[in-house]
Amino acid sequence: VDSENDFKDFNNTLFLFYNYQPYNGETYCGDGGAGDVS
């Protein structure tokens, strides 16, 4: 993802974040962390 402008209606889009490990001190990439999104 480059920016919120990649989406038609960003606020009303439901996202799934994955490939992050909280037990390694990570949070999801939408929260400033790591991983991927779909």
PDB file of all heavy atoms in Angstrom:
ATOM      1  N   VAL A   1       0.847  -1.197   0.000  1.00  0.00           N
ATOM      2  CA  VAL A   1       0.000   0.000   0.000  1.00  0.00           C
ATOM      3  C   VAL A   1       0.879   1.242   0.000  1.00  0.00           C
ATOM      4  O   VAL A   1       1.817   1.350   0.785  1.00  0.00           O
ATOM      5  CB  VAL A   1      -0.920   0.008   1.240  1.00  0.00           C
ATOM      6  CG1 VAL A   1      -1.762   1.274   1.254  1.00  0.00           C
ATOM      7  CG2 VAL A   1      -1.819  -1.220   1.234  1.00  0.00           C
ATOM      8  N   ASP A   2       0.561   2.185  -0.875  1.00  0.00           N
ATOM      9  CA  ASP A   2       1.289   3.449  -0.915  1.00  0.00           C
ATOM     10  C   ASP A   2       0.638   4.505  -0.030  1.00  0.00           C
ATOM     11  O   ASP A   2       1.310   5.231   0.694  1.00  0.00           O
ATOM     12  CB  ASP A   2       1.385   3.967  -2.351  1.00  0.00           C
ATOM     13  CG  ASP A   2       2.263   3.082  -3.220  1.00  0.00           C
ATOM     14  OD1 ASP A   2       3.226   2.507  -2.681  1.00  0.00           O
ATOM     15  OD2 ASP A   2       1.975   2.954  -4.420  1.00  0.00           O
ATOM     16  N   SER A   3      -0.696   4.609  -0.101  1.00  0.00           N
ATOM     17  CA  SER A   3      -1.410   5.601   0.706  1.00  0.00           C
ATOM     18  C   SER A   3      -2.880   5.237   0.763  1.00  0.00           C
ATOM     19  O   SER A   3      -3.331   4.290   0.098  1.00  0.00           O
ATOM     20  CB  SER A   3      -1.254   7.007   0.103  1.00  0.00           C
ATOM     21  OG  SER A   3      -2.008   7.115  -1.093  1.00  0.00           O
ATOM     22  N   GLU A   4      -3.620   5.993   1.563  1.00  0.00           N
ATOM     23  CA  GLU A   4      -5.061   5.781   1.654  1.00  0.00           C
ATOM     24  C   GLU A   4      -5.750   6.041   0.322  1.00  0.00           C
ATOM     25  O   GLU A   4      -6.859   5.552   0.083  1.00  0.00           O
ATOM     26  CB  GLU A   4      -5.655   6.697   2.734  1.00  0.00           C
ATOM     27  CG  GLU A   4      -5.157   6.395   4.134  1.00  0.00           C
ATOM     28  CD  GLU A   4      -5.771   7.310   5.176  1.00  0.00           C
ATOM     29  OE1 GLU A   4      -6.706   8.055   4.816  1.00  0.00           O
ATOM     30  OE2 GLU A   4      -5.340   7.268   6.343  1.00  0.00           O
ATOM     31  N   ASN A   5      -5.113   6.797  -0.558  1.00  0.00           N
ATOM     32  CA  ASN A   5      -5.708   7.129  -1.851  1.00  0.00           C
ATOM     33  C   ASN A   5      -5.780   5.932  -2.786  1.00  0.00           C
ATOM     34  O   ASN A   5      -6.371   6.021  -3.864  1.00  0.00           O
ATOM     35  CB  ASN A   5      -4.923   8.260  -2.523  1.00  0.00           C
ATOM     36  CG  ASN A   5      -4.987   9.558  -1.732  1.00  0.00           C
ATOM     37  OD1 ASN A   5      -5.999   9.853  -1.097  1.00  0.00           O
ATOM     38  ND2 ASN A   5      -3.912  10.327  -1.750  1.00  0.00           N
ATOM     39  N   ASP A   6      -5.160   4.812  -2.381  1.00  0.00           N
ATOM     40  CA  ASP A   6      -5.242   3.599  -3.200  1.00  0.00           C
ATOM     41  C   ASP A   6      -6.642   2.995  -3.172  1.00  0.00           C
ATOM     42  O   ASP A   6      -6.936   2.086  -3.954  1.00  0.00           O
ATOM     43  CB  ASP A   6      -4.247   2.547  -2.690  1.00  0.00           C
ATOM     44  CG  ASP A   6      -2.806   2.949  -2.939  1.00  0.00           C
ATOM     45  OD1 ASP A   6      -2.587   3.932  -3.677  1.00  0.00           O
ATOM     46  OD2 ASP A   6      -1.907   2.283  -2.409  1.00  0.00           O
ATOM     47  N   PHE A   7      -7.504   3.492  -2.286  1.00  0.00           N
ATOM     48  CA  PHE A   7      -8.806   2.873  -2.074  1.00  0.00           C
ATOM     49  C   PHE A   7      -9.931   3.846  -2.414  1.00  0.00           C
ATOM     50  O   PHE A   7      -9.813   5.047  -2.196  1.00  0.00           O
ATOM     51  CB  PHE A   7      -8.939   2.398  -0.629  1.00  0.00           C
ATOM     52  CG  PHE A   7      -7.802   1.529  -0.187  1.00  0.00           C
ATOM     53  CD1 PHE A   7      -6.699   2.070   0.454  1.00  0.00           C
ATOM     54  CD2 PHE A   7      -7.809   0.171  -0.440  1.00  0.00           C
ATOM     55  CE1 PHE A   7      -5.633   1.290   0.837  1.00  0.00           C
ATOM     56  CE2 PHE A   7      -6.747  -0.628  -0.059  1.00  0.00           C
ATOM     57  CZ  PHE A   7      -5.661  -0.076   0.585  1.00  0.00           C
ATOM     58  N   LYS A   8     -11.030   3.308  -2.939  1.00  0.00           N
ATOM     59  CA  LYS A   8     -12.172   4.126  -3.327  1.00  0.00           C
ATOM     60  C   LYS A   8     -12.764   4.832  -2.119  1.00  0.00           C
ATOM     61  O   LYS A   8     -13.049   6.024  -2.150  1.00  0.00           O
ATOM     62  CB  LYS A   8     -13.229   3.244  -3.995  1.00  0.00           C
ATOM     63  CG  LYS A   8     -14.424   4.000  -4.531  1.00  0.00           C
ATOM     64  CD  LYS A   8     -15.526   3.044  -4.999  1.00  0.00           C
ATOM     65  CE  LYS A   8     -15.022   2.137  -6.091  1.00  0.00           C
ATOM     66  NZ  LYS A   8     -16.104   1.243  -6.609  1.00  0.00           N
ATOM     67  N   ASP A   9     -12.991   4.100  -1.047  1.00  0.00           N
ATOM     68  CA  ASP A   9     -13.527   4.662   0.201  1.00  0.00           C
ATOM     69  C   ASP A   9     -12.777   4.011   1.353  1.00  0.00           C
ATOM     70  O   ASP A   9     -13.194   2.978   1.875  1.00  0.00           O
ATOM     71  CB  ASP A   9     -15.031   4.406   0.295  1.00  0.00           C
ATOM     72  CG  ASP A   9     -15.663   5.054   1.526  1.00  0.00           C
ATOM     73  OD1 ASP A   9     -14.934   5.672   2.333  1.00  0.00           O
ATOM     74  OD2 ASP A   9     -16.899   4.943   1.690  1.00  0.00           O
ATOM     75  N   PHE A  10     -11.648   4.614   1.723  1.00  0.00           N
ATOM     76  CA  PHE A  10     -10.746   3.996   2.694  1.00  0.00           C
ATOM     77  C   PHE A  10     -11.434   3.727   4.030  1.00  0.00           C
ATOM     78  O   PHE A  10     -11.324   2.632   4.590  1.00  0.00           O
ATOM     79  CB  PHE A  10      -9.527   4.897   2.907  1.00  0.00           C
ATOM     80  CG  PHE A  10      -8.535   4.352   3.903  1.00  0.00           C
ATOM     81  CD1 PHE A  10      -7.652   3.359   3.542  1.00  0.00           C
ATOM     82  CD2 PHE A  10      -8.493   4.843   5.199  1.00  0.00           C
ATOM     83  CE1 PHE A  10      -6.741   2.850   4.457  1.00  0.00           C
ATOM     84  CE2 PHE A  10      -7.595   4.343   6.122  1.00  0.00           C
ATOM     85  CZ  PHE A  10      -6.711   3.339   5.748  1.00  0.00           C
ATOM     86  N   ASN A  11     -12.158   4.701   4.567  1.00  0.00           N
ATOM     87  CA  ASN A  11     -12.758   4.563   5.894  1.00  0.00           C
ATOM     88  C   ASN A  11     -13.736   3.397   5.975  1.00  0.00           C
ATOM     89  O   ASN A  11     -13.867   2.749   7.017  1.00  0.00           O
ATOM     90  CB  ASN A  11     -13.470   5.853   6.297  1.00  0.00           C
ATOM     91  CG  ASN A  11     -12.498   6.936   6.727  1.00  0.00           C
ATOM     92  OD1 ASN A  11     -11.318   6.668   6.952  1.00  0.00           O
ATOM     93  ND2 ASN A  11     -12.982   8.161   6.831  1.00  0.00           N
ATOM     94  N   ASN A  12     -14.434   3.123   4.878  1.00  0.00           N
ATOM     95  CA  ASN A  12     -15.451   2.072   4.877  1.00  0.00           C
ATOM     96  C   ASN A  12     -14.974   0.805   4.171  1.00  0.00           C
ATOM     97  O   ASN A  12     -15.780   0.057   3.617  1.00  0.00           O
ATOM     98  CB  ASN A  12     -16.737   2.583   4.231  1.00  0.00           C
ATOM     99  CG  ASN A  12     -17.414   3.640   5.081  1.00  0.00           C
ATOM    100  OD1 ASN A  12     -17.373   3.593   6.313  1.00  0.00           O
ATOM    101  ND2 ASN A  12     -18.033   4.613   4.441  1.00  0.00           N
ATOM    102  N   THR A  13     -13.664   0.579   4.210  1.00  0.00           N
ATOM    103  CA  THR A  13     -13.084  -0.665   3.694  1.00  0.00           C
ATOM    104  C   THR A  13     -12.673  -1.539   4.872  1.00  0.00           C
ATOM    105  O   THR A  13     -12.065  -1.061   5.819  1.00  0.00           O
ATOM    106  CB  THR A  13     -11.860  -0.378   2.809  1.00  0.00           C
ATOM    107  OG1 THR A  13     -12.267   0.436   1.695  1.00  0.00           O
ATOM    108  CG2 THR A  13     -11.262  -1.659   2.272  1.00  0.00           C
ATOM    109  N   LEU A  14     -13.041  -2.823   4.825  1.00  0.00           N
ATOM    110  CA  LEU A  14     -12.696  -3.767   5.894  1.00  0.00           C
ATOM    111  C   LEU A  14     -11.409  -4.487   5.508  1.00  0.00           C
ATOM    112  O   LEU A  14     -11.328  -5.120   4.453  1.00  0.00           O
ATOM    113  CB  LEU A  14     -13.826  -4.769   6.108  1.00  0.00           C
ATOM    114  CG  LEU A  14     -13.688  -5.700   7.323  1.00  0.00           C
ATOM    115  CD1 LEU A  14     -13.780  -4.903   8.628  1.00  0.00           C
ATOM    116  CD2 LEU A  14     -14.765  -6.789   7.298  1.00  0.00           C
ATOM    117  N   PHE A  15     -10.390  -4.403   6.389  1.00  0.00           N
ATOM    118  CA  PHE A  15      -9.069  -4.936   6.101  1.00  0.00           C
ATOM    119  C   PHE A  15      -8.751  -6.142   6.983  1.00  0.00           C
ATOM    120  O   PHE A  15      -9.178  -6.220   8.142  1.00  0.00           O
ATOM    121  CB  PHE A  15      -7.996  -3.868   6.343  1.00  0.00           C
ATOM    122  CG  PHE A  15      -8.049  -2.716   5.393  1.00  0.00           C
ATOM    123  CD1 PHE A  15      -8.721  -1.545   5.738  1.00  0.00           C
ATOM    124  CD2 PHE A  15      -7.438  -2.787   4.153  1.00  0.00           C
ATOM    125  CE1 PHE A  15      -8.772  -0.462   4.875  1.00  0.00           C
ATOM    126  CE2 PHE A  15      -7.476  -1.715   3.278  1.00  0.00           C
ATOM    127  CZ  PHE A  15      -8.145  -0.551   3.632  1.00  0.00           C
ATOM    128  N   LEU A  16      -7.944  -7.051   6.438  1.00  0.00           N
ATOM    129  CA  LEU A  16      -7.378  -8.171   7.192  1.00  0.00           C
ATOM    130  C   LEU A  16      -5.863  -8.004   7.209  1.00  0.00           C
ATOM    131  O   LEU A  16      -5.226  -7.927   6.156  1.00  0.00           O
ATOM    132  CB  LEU A  16      -7.736  -9.506   6.537  1.00  0.00           C
ATOM    133  CG  LEU A  16      -6.990 -10.732   7.086  1.00  0.00           C
ATOM    134  CD1 LEU A  16      -7.436 -11.038   8.521  1.00  0.00           C
ATOM    135  CD2 LEU A  16      -7.201 -11.948   6.180  1.00  0.00           C
ATOM    136  N   PHE A  17      -5.280  -7.954   8.408  1.00  0.00           N
ATOM    137  CA  PHE A  17      -3.826  -7.849   8.574  1.00  0.00           C
ATOM    138  C   PHE A  17      -3.288  -9.198   9.062  1.00  0.00           C
ATOM    139  O   PHE A  17      -3.930  -9.872   9.884  1.00  0.00           O
ATOM    140  CB  PHE A  17      -3.483  -6.764   9.591  1.00  0.00           C
ATOM    141  CG  PHE A  17      -3.942  -5.386   9.172  1.00  0.00           C
ATOM    142  CD1 PHE A  17      -5.180  -4.909   9.559  1.00  0.00           C
ATOM    143  CD2 PHE A  17      -3.132  -4.586   8.385  1.00  0.00           C
ATOM    144  CE1 PHE A  17      -5.615  -3.650   9.168  1.00  0.00           C
ATOM    145  CE2 PHE A  17      -3.557  -3.326   7.985  1.00  0.00           C
ATOM    146  CZ  PHE A  17      -4.800  -2.859   8.377  1.00  0.00           C
ATOM    147  N   TYR A  18      -2.101  -9.568   8.584  1.00  0.00           N
ATOM    148  CA  TYR A  18      -1.524 -10.860   8.936  1.00  0.00           C
ATOM    149  C   TYR A  18      -0.007 -10.806   8.763  1.00  0.00           C
ATOM    150  O   TYR A  18       0.549  -9.776   8.380  1.00  0.00           O
ATOM    151  CB  TYR A  18      -2.138 -11.977   8.089  1.00  0.00           C
ATOM    152  CG  TYR A  18      -2.002 -11.770   6.600  1.00  0.00           C
ATOM    153  CD1 TYR A  18      -1.001 -12.406   5.880  1.00  0.00           C
ATOM    154  CD2 TYR A  18      -2.874 -10.928   5.912  1.00  0.00           C
ATOM    155  CE1 TYR A  18      -0.864 -12.213   4.514  1.00  0.00           C
ATOM    156  CE2 TYR A  18      -2.742 -10.718   4.555  1.00  0.00           C
ATOM    157  CZ  TYR A  18      -1.743 -11.367   3.856  1.00  0.00           C
ATOM    158  OH  TYR A  18      -1.608 -11.153   2.502  1.00  0.00           O
ATOM    159  N   ASN A  19       0.646 -11.922   9.058  1.00  0.00           N
ATOM    160  CA  ASN A  19       2.117 -12.024   8.988  1.00  0.00           C
ATOM    161  C   ASN A  19       2.808 -11.072   9.958  1.00  0.00           C
ATOM    162  O   ASN A  19       3.790 -10.403   9.613  1.00  0.00           O
ATOM    163  CB  ASN A  19       2.627 -11.787   7.558  1.00  0.00           C
ATOM    164  CG  ASN A  19       2.441 -13.005   6.670  1.00  0.00           C
ATOM    165  OD1 ASN A  19       2.215 -14.110   7.163  1.00  0.00           O
ATOM    166  ND2 ASN A  19       2.525 -12.806   5.358  1.00  0.00           N
ATOM    167  N   TYR A  20       2.309 -10.998  11.169  1.00  0.00           N
ATOM    168  CA  TYR A  20       3.017 -10.282  12.235  1.00  0.00           C
ATOM    169  C   TYR A  20       2.955 -11.134  13.496  1.00  0.00           C
ATOM    170  O   TYR A  20       2.056 -11.966  13.667  1.00  0.00           O
ATOM    171  CB  TYR A  20       2.421  -8.892  12.464  1.00  0.00           C
ATOM    172  CG  TYR A  20       1.041  -8.863  13.091  1.00  0.00           C
ATOM    173  CD1 TYR A  20       0.874  -8.635  14.456  1.00  0.00           C
ATOM    174  CD2 TYR A  20      -0.108  -9.072  12.321  1.00  0.00           C
ATOM    175  CE1 TYR A  20      -0.384  -8.595  15.034  1.00  0.00           C
ATOM    176  CE2 TYR A  20      -1.366  -9.034  12.884  1.00  0.00           C
ATOM    177  CZ  TYR A  20      -1.495  -8.795  14.239  1.00  0.00           C
ATOM    178  OH  TYR A  20      -2.758  -8.775  14.813  1.00  0.00           O
ATOM    179  N   GLN A  21       3.927 -10.956  14.372  1.00  0.00           N
ATOM    180  CA  GLN A  21       4.073 -11.816  15.547  1.00  0.00           C
ATOM    181  C   GLN A  21       4.100 -10.981  16.830  1.00  0.00           C
ATOM    182  O   GLN A  21       5.144 -10.384  17.151  1.00  0.00           O
ATOM    183  CB  GLN A  21       5.364 -12.650  15.442  1.00  0.00           C
ATOM    184  CG  GLN A  21       5.354 -13.716  14.356  1.00  0.00           C
ATOM    185  CD  GLN A  21       5.578 -13.177  12.959  1.00  0.00           C
ATOM    186  OE1 GLN A  21       6.358 -12.243  12.764  1.00  0.00           O
ATOM    187  NE2 GLN A  21       4.890 -13.739  11.978  1.00  0.00           N
ATOM    188  N   PRO A  22       3.008 -10.913  17.556  1.00  0.00           N
ATOM    189  CA  PRO A  22       2.991 -10.148  18.815  1.00  0.00           C
ATOM    190  C   PRO A  22       4.016 -10.657  19.819  1.00  0.00           C
ATOM    191  O   PRO A  22       4.593  -9.866  20.573  1.00  0.00           O
ATOM    192  CB  PRO A  22       1.562 -10.354  19.332  1.00  0.00           C
ATOM    193  CG  PRO A  22       0.758 -10.704  18.133  1.00  0.00           C
ATOM    194  CD  PRO A  22       1.671 -11.462  17.243  1.00  0.00           C
ATOM    195  N   TYR A  23       4.259 -11.975  19.823  1.00  0.00           N
ATOM    196  CA  TYR A  23       5.218 -12.553  20.772  1.00  0.00           C
ATOM    197  C   TYR A  23       6.651 -12.147  20.450  1.00  0.00           C
ATOM    198  O   TYR A  23       7.552 -12.357  21.259  1.00  0.00           O
ATOM    199  CB  TYR A  23       5.090 -14.082  20.807  1.00  0.00           C
ATOM    200  CG  TYR A  23       4.890 -14.712  19.454  1.00  0.00           C
ATOM    201  CD1 TYR A  23       5.968 -14.980  18.614  1.00  0.00           C
ATOM    202  CD2 TYR A  23       3.614 -15.028  19.006  1.00  0.00           C
ATOM    203  CE1 TYR A  23       5.785 -15.545  17.365  1.00  0.00           C
ATOM    204  CE2 TYR A  23       3.421 -15.596  17.755  1.00  0.00           C
ATOM    205  CZ  TYR A  23       4.502 -15.853  16.939  1.00  0.00           C
ATOM    206  OH  TYR A  23       4.309 -16.407  15.700  1.00  0.00           O
ATOM    207  N   ASN A  24       6.861 -11.547  19.274  1.00  0.00           N
ATOM    208  CA  ASN A  24       8.165 -10.963  18.944  1.00  0.00           C
ATOM    209  C   ASN A  24       8.153  -9.449  19.071  1.00  0.00           C
ATOM    210  O   ASN A  24       9.039  -8.766  18.554  1.00  0.00           O
ATOM    211  CB  ASN A  24       8.577 -11.355  17.520  1.00  0.00           C
ATOM    212  CG  ASN A  24       8.972 -12.808  17.405  1.00  0.00           C
ATOM    213  OD1 ASN A  24       9.360 -13.429  18.394  1.00  0.00           O
ATOM    214  ND2 ASN A  24       8.855 -13.373  16.215  1.00  0.00           N
ATOM    215  N   GLY A  25       7.138  -8.926  19.728  1.00  0.00           N
ATOM    216  CA  GLY A  25       7.052  -7.486  19.938  1.00  0.00           C
ATOM    217  C   GLY A  25       6.460  -6.715  18.778  1.00  0.00           C
ATOM    218  O   GLY A  25       6.566  -5.486  18.738  1.00  0.00           O
ATOM    219  N   GLU A  26       5.828  -7.410  17.825  1.00  0.00           N
ATOM    220  CA  GLU A  26       5.285  -6.739  16.644  1.00  0.00           C
ATOM    221  C   GLU A  26       3.790  -6.468  16.793  1.00  0.00           C
ATOM    222  O   GLU A  26       3.075  -7.188  17.494  1.00  0.00           O
ATOM    223  CB  GLU A  26       5.514  -7.600  15.398  1.00  0.00           C
ATOM    224  CG  GLU A  26       6.975  -7.800  15.058  1.00  0.00           C
ATOM    225  CD  GLU A  26       7.164  -8.716  13.865  1.00  0.00           C
ATOM    226  OE1 GLU A  26       6.176  -9.339  13.429  1.00  0.00           O
ATOM    227  OE2 GLU A  26       8.316  -8.813  13.381  1.00  0.00           O
ATOM    228  N   THR A  27       3.332  -5.441  16.113  1.00  0.00           N
ATOM    229  CA  THR A  27       1.908  -5.201  15.936  1.00  0.00           C
ATOM    230  C   THR A  27       1.636  -5.171  14.440  1.00  0.00           C
ATOM    231  O   THR A  27       2.574  -5.194  13.635  1.00  0.00           O
ATOM    232  CB  THR A  27       1.461  -3.892  16.607  1.00  0.00           C
ATOM    233  OG1 THR A  27       0.031  -3.765  16.494  1.00  0.00           O
ATOM    234  CG2 THR A  27       2.120  -2.685  15.949  1.00  0.00           C
ATOM    235  N   TYR A  28       0.379  -5.124  14.037  1.00  0.00           N
ATOM    236  CA  TYR A  28       0.040  -5.200  12.615  1.00  0.00           C
ATOM    237  C   TYR A  28       0.438  -3.913  11.888  1.00  0.00           C
ATOM    238  O   TYR A  28       0.571  -2.846  12.486  1.00  0.00           O
ATOM    239  CB  TYR A  28      -1.439  -5.520  12.424  1.00  0.00           C
ATOM    240  CG  TYR A  28      -2.401  -4.539  13.050  1.00  0.00           C
ATOM    241  CD1 TYR A  28      -2.927  -3.476  12.325  1.00  0.00           C
ATOM    242  CD2 TYR A  28      -2.813  -4.689  14.376  1.00  0.00           C
ATOM    243  CE1 TYR A  28      -3.813  -2.576  12.899  1.00  0.00           C
ATOM    244  CE2 TYR A  28      -3.705  -3.807  14.955  1.00  0.00           C
ATOM    245  CZ  TYR A  28      -4.200  -2.750  14.211  1.00  0.00           C
ATOM    246  OH  TYR A  28      -5.078  -1.864  14.790  1.00  0.00           O
ATOM    247  N   CYS A  29       0.623  -4.024  10.580  1.00  0.00           N
ATOM    248  CA  CYS A  29       1.187  -2.899   9.821  1.00  0.00           C
ATOM    249  C   CYS A  29       0.264  -1.688   9.782  1.00  0.00           C
ATOM    250  O   CYS A  29       0.725  -0.570   9.568  1.00  0.00           O
ATOM    251  CB  CYS A  29       1.550  -3.332   8.397  1.00  0.00           C
ATOM    252  SG  CYS A  29       0.182  -3.969   7.405  1.00  0.00           S
ATOM    253  N   GLY A  30      -1.016  -1.862   9.999  1.00  0.00           N
ATOM    254  CA  GLY A  30      -1.925  -0.718  10.072  1.00  0.00           C
ATOM    255  C   GLY A  30      -1.810   0.040  11.375  1.00  0.00           C
ATOM    256  O   GLY A  30      -2.391   1.121  11.536  1.00  0.00           O
ATOM    257  N   ASP A  31      -1.059  -0.529  12.314  1.00  0.00           N
ATOM    258  CA  ASP A  31      -0.826   0.108  13.607  1.00  0.00           C
ATOM    259  C   ASP A  31       0.644   0.526  13.732  1.00  0.00           C
ATOM    260  O   ASP A  31       1.178   0.629  14.829  1.00  0.00           O
ATOM    261  CB  ASP A  31      -1.215  -0.859  14.729  1.00  0.00           C
ATOM    262  CG  ASP A  31      -1.284  -0.193  16.095  1.00  0.00           C
ATOM    263  OD1 ASP A  31      -1.684   0.988  16.161  1.00  0.00           O
ATOM    264  OD2 ASP A  31      -0.924  -0.843  17.096  1.00  0.00           O
ATOM    265  N   GLY A  32       1.279   0.707  12.589  1.00  0.00           N
ATOM    266  CA  GLY A  32       2.682   1.108  12.595  1.00  0.00           C
ATOM    267  C   GLY A  32       3.647  -0.037  12.724  1.00  0.00           C
ATOM    268  O   GLY A  32       4.841   0.170  12.963  1.00  0.00           O
ATOM    269  N   GLY A  33       3.155  -1.279  12.570  1.00  0.00           N
ATOM    270  CA  GLY A  33       3.999  -2.443  12.768  1.00  0.00           C
ATOM    271  C   GLY A  33       4.429  -3.113  11.482  1.00  0.00           C
ATOM    272  O   GLY A  33       4.812  -2.455  10.525  1.00  0.00           O
ATOM    273  N   ALA A  34       4.325  -4.441  11.458  1.00  0.00           N
ATOM    274  CA  ALA A  34       4.848  -5.235  10.349  1.00  0.00           C
ATOM    275  C   ALA A  34       3.732  -6.064   9.718  1.00  0.00           C
ATOM    276  O   ALA A  34       2.590  -6.052  10.165  1.00  0.00           O
ATOM    277  CB  ALA A  34       5.970  -6.144  10.856  1.00  0.00           C
ATOM    278  N   GLY A  35       4.126  -6.810   8.661  1.00  0.00           N
ATOM    279  CA  GLY A  35       3.187  -7.743   8.063  1.00  0.00           C
ATOM    280  C   GLY A  35       2.537  -7.248   6.787  1.00  0.00           C
ATOM    281  O   GLY A  35       2.977  -6.281   6.166  1.00  0.00           O
ATOM    282  N   ASP A  36       1.453  -7.919   6.415  1.00  0.00           N
ATOM    283  CA  ASP A  36       0.761  -7.660   5.159  1.00  0.00           C
ATOM    284  C   ASP A  36      -0.709  -7.346   5.418  1.00  0.00           C
ATOM    285  O   ASP A  36      -1.219  -7.530   6.534  1.00  0.00           O
ATOM    286  CB  ASP A  36       0.866  -8.882   4.241  1.00  0.00           C
ATOM    287  CG  ASP A  36       2.309  -9.229   3.929  1.00  0.00           C
ATOM    288  OD1 ASP A  36       3.023  -8.355   3.407  1.00  0.00           O
ATOM    289  OD2 ASP A  36       2.721 -10.373   4.230  1.00  0.00           O
ATOM    290  N   VAL A  37      -1.384  -6.900   4.352  1.00  0.00           N
ATOM    291  CA  VAL A  37      -2.796  -6.551   4.458  1.00  0.00           C
ATOM    292  C   VAL A  37      -3.522  -6.976   3.193  1.00  0.00           C
ATOM    293  O   VAL A  37      -2.930  -7.005   2.107  1.00  0.00           O
ATOM    294  CB  VAL A  37      -2.976  -5.028   4.680  1.00  0.00           C
ATOM    295  CG1 VAL A  37      -2.449  -4.240   3.489  1.00  0.00           C
ATOM    296  CG2 VAL A  37      -4.431  -4.681   4.953  1.00  0.00           C
ATOM    297  N   SER A  38      -4.786  -7.339   3.344  1.00  0.00           N
ATOM    298  CA  SER A  38      -5.646  -7.594   2.188  1.00  0.00           C
ATOM    299  C   SER A  38      -7.027  -7.028   2.492  1.00  0.00           C
ATOM    300  O   SER A  38      -7.385  -6.804   3.645  1.00  0.00           O
ATOM    301  CB  SER A  38      -5.735  -9.097   1.873  1.00  0.00           C
ATOM    302  OG  SER A  38      -6.316  -9.800   2.959  1.00  0.00           O
TER     303      SER A  38
END
